[in-house]
Protein backbone atom coordinates (compact mmCIF):
# COMPACT_ATOMS: atom_id res chain seq x y z
CA MET A 1 -61.43 -80.35 10.17
CA PRO A 2 -62.91 -76.87 9.79
CA ARG A 3 -62.80 -75.30 6.30
CA THR A 4 -62.31 -71.63 5.58
CA ILE A 5 -64.72 -69.53 3.50
CA ARG A 6 -62.06 -69.04 0.82
CA SER A 7 -61.68 -72.78 0.38
CA ILE A 8 -65.48 -73.20 -0.04
CA LEU A 9 -66.03 -70.34 -2.53
CA GLY A 10 -62.89 -71.00 -4.48
CA LYS A 11 -60.88 -68.42 -6.33
CA SER A 12 -62.56 -65.23 -7.47
CA GLY A 13 -62.77 -64.28 -11.16
CA ARG A 14 -60.85 -61.07 -10.59
CA VAL A 15 -57.51 -60.93 -12.30
CA THR A 16 -54.78 -60.29 -9.84
CA LYS A 17 -51.32 -59.08 -10.57
CA SER A 18 -48.57 -61.26 -9.36
CA SER A 19 -46.60 -59.54 -6.71
CA ARG A 20 -42.91 -59.60 -7.40
CA PRO A 21 -40.35 -58.57 -4.98
CA PRO A 22 -38.95 -55.18 -5.88
CA ALA A 23 -35.82 -55.53 -7.85
CA THR A 24 -32.92 -54.31 -5.86
CA ARG A 25 -31.13 -51.94 -8.18
CA LYS A 26 -27.50 -51.78 -7.62
CA PRO A 27 -26.37 -48.25 -7.23
CA SER A 28 -24.34 -47.38 -10.22
CA SER A 29 -20.92 -46.19 -9.37
CA PRO A 30 -20.93 -42.45 -9.84
CA ALA A 31 -18.52 -41.07 -12.36
CA PRO A 32 -15.51 -39.56 -10.68
CA ARG A 33 -16.16 -35.85 -10.37
CA ARG A 34 -13.47 -33.62 -11.68
CA PRO A 35 -11.85 -31.58 -9.01
CA THR A 36 -12.77 -27.95 -9.32
CA ARG A 37 -9.87 -26.00 -10.67
CA LYS A 38 -8.76 -23.08 -8.67
CA ALA A 39 -8.94 -19.60 -10.12
CA LYS A 40 -5.17 -19.45 -10.14
CA ASP A 41 -4.97 -22.55 -12.35
CA LYS A 42 -7.53 -21.10 -14.75
CA ASP A 43 -5.55 -17.88 -15.03
CA ALA A 44 -2.36 -19.84 -15.61
CA GLU A 45 -3.91 -21.44 -18.71
CA LEU A 46 -4.63 -18.11 -20.36
CA PHE A 47 -1.10 -17.23 -21.43
CA GLN A 48 0.89 -20.39 -22.13
CA ASP A 49 3.75 -18.73 -24.02
CA LYS A 50 6.03 -15.95 -22.97
CA PHE A 51 5.61 -12.53 -24.51
CA ASP A 52 8.18 -10.93 -26.75
CA ASP A 53 10.15 -8.20 -25.03
CA LEU A 54 9.66 -5.06 -27.11
CA GLY A 55 11.19 -2.69 -24.57
CA LEU A 56 9.63 -0.31 -22.08
CA ALA A 57 6.52 1.62 -23.04
CA LYS A 58 5.56 5.06 -21.81
CA LEU A 59 2.51 5.24 -19.63
CA LEU A 60 1.38 8.65 -20.84
CA GLU A 61 2.86 8.80 -24.31
CA GLU A 62 -0.43 10.13 -25.69
CA ASP A 63 -0.17 13.21 -23.46
CA LEU A 64 2.58 15.39 -24.88
CA SER A 65 2.03 18.33 -22.52
CA LEU A 66 3.93 16.80 -19.59
CA ARG A 67 7.25 18.60 -19.61
CA ASP A 68 8.22 19.19 -15.98
CA VAL A 69 7.68 17.84 -12.48
CA VAL A 70 4.90 20.20 -11.44
CA GLN A 71 2.82 19.47 -14.54
CA ALA A 72 3.25 15.74 -14.03
CA MET A 73 2.26 16.02 -10.36
CA ARG A 74 -0.91 17.91 -11.25
CA TYR A 75 -1.75 15.42 -13.97
CA ILE A 76 -1.35 12.45 -11.60
CA CYS A 77 -3.48 14.06 -8.90
CA SER A 78 -6.23 15.07 -11.32
CA HIS A 79 -6.40 11.56 -12.80
CA MET A 80 -6.35 9.66 -9.52
CA PHE A 81 -10.11 9.09 -9.14
CA SER A 82 -12.85 8.63 -11.69
CA PRO A 83 -16.14 10.56 -11.35
CA VAL A 84 -18.70 9.14 -8.97
CA PRO A 85 -21.59 7.62 -10.99
CA SER A 86 -24.90 9.41 -10.66
CA THR A 87 -26.81 6.12 -10.39
CA GLY A 88 -26.07 2.82 -8.70
CA PHE A 89 -25.02 4.11 -5.28
CA ASN A 90 -27.31 5.06 -2.46
CA SER A 91 -26.82 8.37 -0.70
CA THR A 92 -24.84 6.79 2.15
CA ARG A 93 -22.31 5.13 -0.14
CA THR A 94 -21.97 8.25 -2.26
CA ALA A 95 -21.25 10.32 0.85
CA GLU A 96 -18.63 7.79 1.98
CA VAL A 97 -16.83 7.92 -1.35
CA LEU A 98 -16.88 11.71 -1.51
CA ASN A 99 -15.68 12.08 2.08
CA TYR A 100 -12.89 9.59 1.47
CA ARG A 101 -11.67 11.50 -1.56
CA ALA A 102 -11.95 14.85 0.21
CA THR A 103 -9.71 13.65 3.05
CA THR A 104 -7.09 12.11 0.74
CA SER A 105 -4.09 14.38 0.33
CA PRO A 106 -2.88 15.47 -3.14
CA LEU A 107 0.35 13.49 -2.82
CA VAL A 108 2.50 11.97 -5.55
CA THR A 109 5.12 9.31 -4.93
CA VAL A 110 8.57 9.80 -6.42
CA GLY A 111 8.38 6.42 -8.14
CA HIS A 112 5.12 7.33 -9.87
CA LEU A 113 6.69 10.56 -11.07
CA ASN A 114 9.66 8.69 -12.53
CA ALA A 115 7.31 6.24 -14.23
CA VAL A 116 5.51 9.08 -15.98
CA LEU A 117 8.46 11.27 -16.99
CA ARG A 118 10.90 8.43 -17.75
CA SER A 119 14.00 10.47 -16.91
CA PRO A 120 15.08 9.81 -13.31
CA GLY A 121 18.20 11.94 -13.46
CA LYS A 122 16.38 14.96 -14.81
CA VAL A 123 13.54 14.47 -12.34
CA GLU A 124 15.97 14.28 -9.42
CA ARG A 125 17.75 17.49 -10.44
CA GLU A 126 14.49 19.33 -10.95
CA LEU A 127 13.13 18.10 -7.62
CA ALA A 128 16.24 19.31 -5.83
CA GLU A 129 15.78 22.75 -7.38
CA LEU A 130 12.05 22.91 -6.65
CA THR A 131 12.43 21.81 -3.03
CA ALA A 132 15.21 24.32 -2.44
CA LYS A 133 12.99 27.11 -3.78
CA GLY A 134 10.02 25.98 -1.69
CA VAL A 135 7.79 25.07 -4.64
CA VAL A 136 7.53 21.37 -3.78
CA ARG A 137 7.79 19.68 -0.40
CA LYS A 138 9.12 16.16 0.08
CA VAL A 139 7.68 14.14 2.97
CA ARG A 140 8.89 10.74 4.15
CA VAL A 141 7.20 8.04 6.19
CA GLU A 142 9.68 5.92 8.08
CA ARG A 143 10.13 2.24 7.30
CA ARG A 144 7.88 2.25 4.22
CA GLY A 145 10.50 2.18 1.49
CA GLY A 146 9.96 4.00 -1.78
CA MET A 147 6.22 4.22 -1.27
CA GLY A 148 6.71 6.25 1.90
CA GLU A 149 8.48 9.07 0.03
CA ALA A 150 5.91 11.48 -1.41
CA LEU A 151 5.74 14.99 -2.86
CA ILE A 152 3.22 17.77 -2.44
CA GLU A 153 3.03 21.25 -3.87
CA MET A 154 3.55 23.98 -1.31
CA ALA A 155 0.44 25.74 -2.62
CA ASP A 156 -1.65 22.70 -1.68
CA LEU A 157 0.09 22.44 1.68
CA GLU A 158 -0.57 26.12 2.36
CA ASP A 159 -4.22 25.61 1.52
CA MET A 160 -4.47 22.63 3.88
CA LEU A 161 -2.75 24.62 6.60
CA GLN A 162 -5.16 27.51 6.11
CA ARG A 163 -8.22 25.26 6.37
CA ALA A 164 -6.96 23.39 9.44
CA LYS A 165 -8.40 24.14 12.87
CA LEU A 166 -5.38 25.91 14.33
CA SER A 167 -4.79 29.05 16.29
CA GLU A 168 -3.47 31.94 14.22
CA ASP A 169 -0.20 32.09 16.14
CA THR A 170 0.48 28.39 15.60
CA ARG A 171 -0.41 28.61 11.92
CA ASN A 172 1.89 31.57 11.30
CA LYS A 173 4.84 30.09 13.20
CA PHE A 174 4.56 26.78 11.38
CA ARG A 175 4.23 28.52 8.02
CA VAL A 176 7.37 30.55 8.67
CA PHE A 177 9.25 27.41 9.70
CA LEU A 178 8.27 25.63 6.48
CA LYS A 179 9.40 28.56 4.34
CA GLU A 180 12.74 28.89 6.11
CA ASN A 181 13.45 25.15 6.17
CA THR A 182 12.45 23.81 2.78
CA THR A 183 14.20 20.43 2.99
CA THR A 184 14.06 19.46 6.67
CA GLN A 185 11.98 16.49 7.76
CA THR A 186 11.95 17.09 11.51
CA LEU A 187 10.94 19.88 13.85
CA PRO A 188 13.75 20.82 16.26
CA HIS A 189 13.03 21.50 19.90
CA GLY A 190 12.33 25.10 20.79
CA VAL A 191 10.68 26.14 17.53
CA LEU A 192 7.19 25.69 18.97
CA ASP A 193 5.98 25.35 22.52
CA SER A 194 4.24 22.21 23.73
CA LYS A 195 0.74 23.59 23.20
CA GLN A 196 1.41 24.61 19.60
CA ALA A 197 3.09 21.31 18.83
CA ASP A 198 0.11 19.48 20.30
CA GLU A 199 -2.23 21.42 18.00
CA LEU A 200 -0.24 20.42 14.93
CA VAL A 201 -0.08 16.79 16.04
CA ARG A 202 -3.85 16.66 16.48
CA VAL A 203 -4.58 17.94 12.97
CA GLY A 204 -1.91 15.73 11.37
CA PHE A 205 0.93 18.09 10.42
CA LEU A 206 3.35 16.60 12.96
CA THR A 207 3.93 13.08 14.19
CA SER A 208 6.19 11.66 16.87
CA SER A 209 9.19 9.59 15.88
CA THR A 210 11.12 7.63 18.47
CA PRO A 211 13.29 4.56 17.77
CA SER A 212 12.03 2.58 20.75
CA ALA A 213 12.76 -1.02 19.79
CA PRO A 214 15.91 -2.71 18.45
CA GLU A 215 13.91 -4.51 15.76
CA GLY A 216 12.88 -1.12 14.45
CA THR A 217 16.51 -0.34 13.59
CA LEU A 218 17.10 -3.29 11.27
CA ASP A 219 16.89 -1.06 8.20
CA MET A 220 19.30 1.50 9.63
CA ARG A 221 22.92 1.79 8.63
CA PRO A 222 25.39 0.11 11.03
CA GLU A 223 26.96 3.42 12.04
CA ASP A 224 23.54 4.81 12.97
CA ARG A 225 22.72 2.14 15.52
CA THR A 226 24.94 3.88 18.07
CA THR A 227 26.32 0.78 19.77
CA LEU A 228 29.91 0.36 20.85
CA THR A 229 30.24 -2.56 18.45
CA SER A 230 29.53 -0.41 15.39
CA ILE A 231 31.75 -0.58 12.33
CA TYR A 232 33.31 2.79 13.12
CA HIS A 233 34.29 1.78 16.66
CA VAL A 234 35.52 -1.69 15.74
CA SER A 235 37.70 -0.41 12.91
CA ARG A 236 39.75 1.73 15.31
CA PHE A 237 41.19 -1.24 17.22
CA ALA A 238 43.14 -4.34 16.33
CA SER A 239 41.20 -7.45 15.52
CA GLY A 240 40.98 -9.91 18.40
CA THR A 241 41.39 -7.37 21.18
CA VAL A 242 38.83 -6.59 23.87
CA SER A 243 38.49 -3.02 22.62
CA ALA A 244 37.43 -4.26 19.19
CA VAL A 245 34.24 -5.64 20.69
CA GLY A 246 33.44 -2.64 22.85
CA GLY A 247 35.82 -2.93 25.78
CA ARG A 248 35.37 -4.38 29.25
CA ASN A 249 32.25 -2.32 30.00
CA ALA A 250 30.58 -2.89 26.63
CA ILE A 251 27.45 -4.51 28.06
CA TYR A 252 27.03 -1.86 30.73
CA LEU A 253 27.61 1.08 28.39
CA ALA A 254 25.36 -0.38 25.71
CA GLY A 255 22.35 -0.38 28.01
CA GLY A 256 23.06 -2.88 30.76
CA GLY A 257 22.49 -6.59 30.99
CA GLY A 258 19.83 -8.92 32.31
CA GLY A 259 17.35 -8.28 29.53
CA SER A 260 16.95 -7.87 25.82
CA PRO A 261 19.63 -5.77 24.12
CA THR A 262 18.66 -2.15 23.83
CA LEU A 263 20.07 0.96 22.25
CA THR A 264 22.23 3.36 24.16
CA HIS A 265 20.69 5.93 26.42
CA SER A 266 21.47 8.75 24.04
CA SER A 267 19.54 7.14 21.19
CA THR A 268 16.56 5.94 23.18
CA SER A 269 16.07 9.28 24.85
CA ARG A 270 16.16 11.12 21.54
CA SER A 271 12.55 11.90 20.73
CA TYR A 272 11.58 14.40 18.07
CA LEU A 273 8.67 15.43 15.90
CA ARG A 274 8.57 14.65 12.19
CA LEU A 275 6.74 16.65 9.56
CA ALA A 276 3.65 14.94 8.16
CA ILE A 277 0.75 15.58 5.81
CA PRO A 278 -2.85 15.02 6.95
CA GLY A 279 -4.27 12.06 5.05
CA HIS A 280 -0.88 10.66 4.06
CA GLY A 281 -1.65 7.38 5.80
CA ARG A 282 -4.86 6.98 3.83
CA HIS A 283 -3.06 7.67 0.57
CA LEU A 284 -0.34 5.19 1.52
CA LYS A 285 -2.83 2.48 2.44
CA LEU A 286 -4.72 2.88 -0.84
CA ALA A 287 -1.55 2.74 -2.93
CA SER A 288 -0.24 -0.30 -1.05
CA ALA A 289 -3.50 -2.21 -1.50
CA ALA A 290 -3.72 -1.36 -5.21
CA VAL A 291 -0.13 -2.41 -5.90
CA GLU A 292 -0.67 -5.62 -3.96
CA TRP A 293 -3.71 -6.34 -6.14
CA VAL A 294 -1.58 -5.97 -9.28
CA ARG A 295 1.12 -8.21 -7.83
CA ASP A 296 -1.42 -10.88 -6.93
CA ALA A 297 -3.08 -10.76 -10.35
CA MET A 298 0.27 -11.11 -12.12
CA GLY A 299 1.25 -13.95 -9.82
CA ARG A 300 -1.75 -15.98 -10.99
CA THR A 301 -0.44 -16.23 -14.55
CA ARG A 302 2.00 -18.90 -15.65
CA TRP A 303 4.95 -16.68 -16.50
CA GLY A 304 4.05 -13.62 -14.49
CA GLU A 305 3.10 -11.83 -17.71
CA ALA A 306 -0.23 -10.55 -18.98
CA PRO A 307 -1.55 -7.93 -21.40
CA GLU A 308 -2.36 -4.60 -19.81
CA SER A 309 -5.86 -4.80 -21.28
CA TRP A 310 -6.46 -8.06 -19.40
CA LEU A 311 -5.39 -6.52 -16.09
CA LYS A 312 -7.49 -3.45 -16.73
CA GLU A 313 -10.53 -5.58 -17.54
CA ARG A 314 -10.13 -7.55 -14.32
CA PHE A 315 -9.69 -4.36 -12.31
CA GLU A 316 -12.65 -2.51 -13.79
CA GLY A 317 -14.83 -5.58 -14.32
CA GLY A 318 -18.00 -6.03 -12.32
CA GLY A 319 -19.03 -2.40 -12.52
CA LEU A 320 -19.89 -0.99 -9.12
CA TYR A 321 -19.37 -4.42 -7.53
CA GLY A 322 -15.87 -4.95 -8.90
CA PRO A 323 -12.62 -4.27 -7.07
CA ARG A 324 -12.33 -0.78 -8.52
CA TRP A 325 -15.35 0.56 -6.61
CA LYS A 326 -15.78 -2.06 -3.92
CA GLU A 327 -12.23 -1.94 -2.57
CA PHE A 328 -10.43 1.04 -4.07
CA TRP A 329 -12.99 3.86 -4.01
CA GLY A 330 -13.14 4.30 -7.78
CA VAL A 331 -9.44 4.87 -8.38
CA GLU A 332 -8.30 5.11 -12.00
CA TRP A 333 -6.43 2.20 -13.57
CA THR A 334 -3.70 4.45 -14.97
CA TRP A 335 -2.95 5.66 -11.44
CA VAL A 336 -2.69 2.09 -10.14
CA LEU A 337 -0.42 1.11 -13.02
CA GLY A 338 1.78 4.15 -12.44
CA GLU A 339 2.25 3.23 -8.77
CA ALA A 340 3.09 -0.37 -9.64
CA VAL A 341 5.60 0.63 -12.33
CA GLY A 342 7.15 3.27 -10.08
CA LEU A 343 7.81 0.72 -7.34
CA GLY A 344 9.24 -1.81 -9.79
CA VAL A 345 6.46 -4.34 -9.25
CA VAL A 346 5.68 -4.61 -12.98
CA GLU A 347 7.14 -3.43 -16.27
CA VAL A 348 5.07 -2.23 -19.20
């Protein structure tokens, strides 16, 4: 039987290490990881107890020079934006911020004015007197509630009208109309021809207003919907009769059948021009976004309450990368708070 070389020489004198099978280590069960708490839950833990109600506080109690509506309007406009920092922004971003501010109209909402002066009755009487004299102009944006009602000084409006790219005839006619009609919100037909009206629409001093859809009349009073089933028409006839619901030809007279219900022909054909302020939409969008930010921040707390200093720190935190500069173009916190208080979103 043949023998191998290893069997003849025997074992070598070299010490060998016994080979053991690698120990199979059981994977230890990982500790259950805590679920990451949402930011809303973290904010809710900050203020566990309700605050004591000490009454309303004035927003501008340190400024004792605010005595009338015009002074308050000028104060609000002058404290709307903070100065653009000299460092931190590149030239492109700086130009964007400056252009945005230059095209924002010097408007003040009525709610913000009431939040500053704290005397709604006195403010309303003074506004009625100032608008009648042509010192202040009130402008409304349809279907935007209290935020859509804004004020502007006639001096600022005159300056905007002078700088606008308009023909001299159009500018003079529109200026005369504004002086003679200090409280009107619409431009009647025949005051300007179509070319002049088109000029004013292009630069933003006029806008079209046509109630074209029934869903757009949900906020209107019942007597303004001009249907035969209005409260005024129904109240003239006995309950249960055909006339109380519009008569036999109610569907035909109300716009016909075979489709979605529409307004009467007289209301749908009524198209007119409404007075506007260039840049009002930008101002409205900024105010809406800022107030929504305050509402969202307050909604994250447990009781819907938080110190003003905490809100201000969150708003101005992050420097140039925080919400104040990243989203709101460097708007002042006092202006944001005034808008929120004026709309009734928060109380201070």
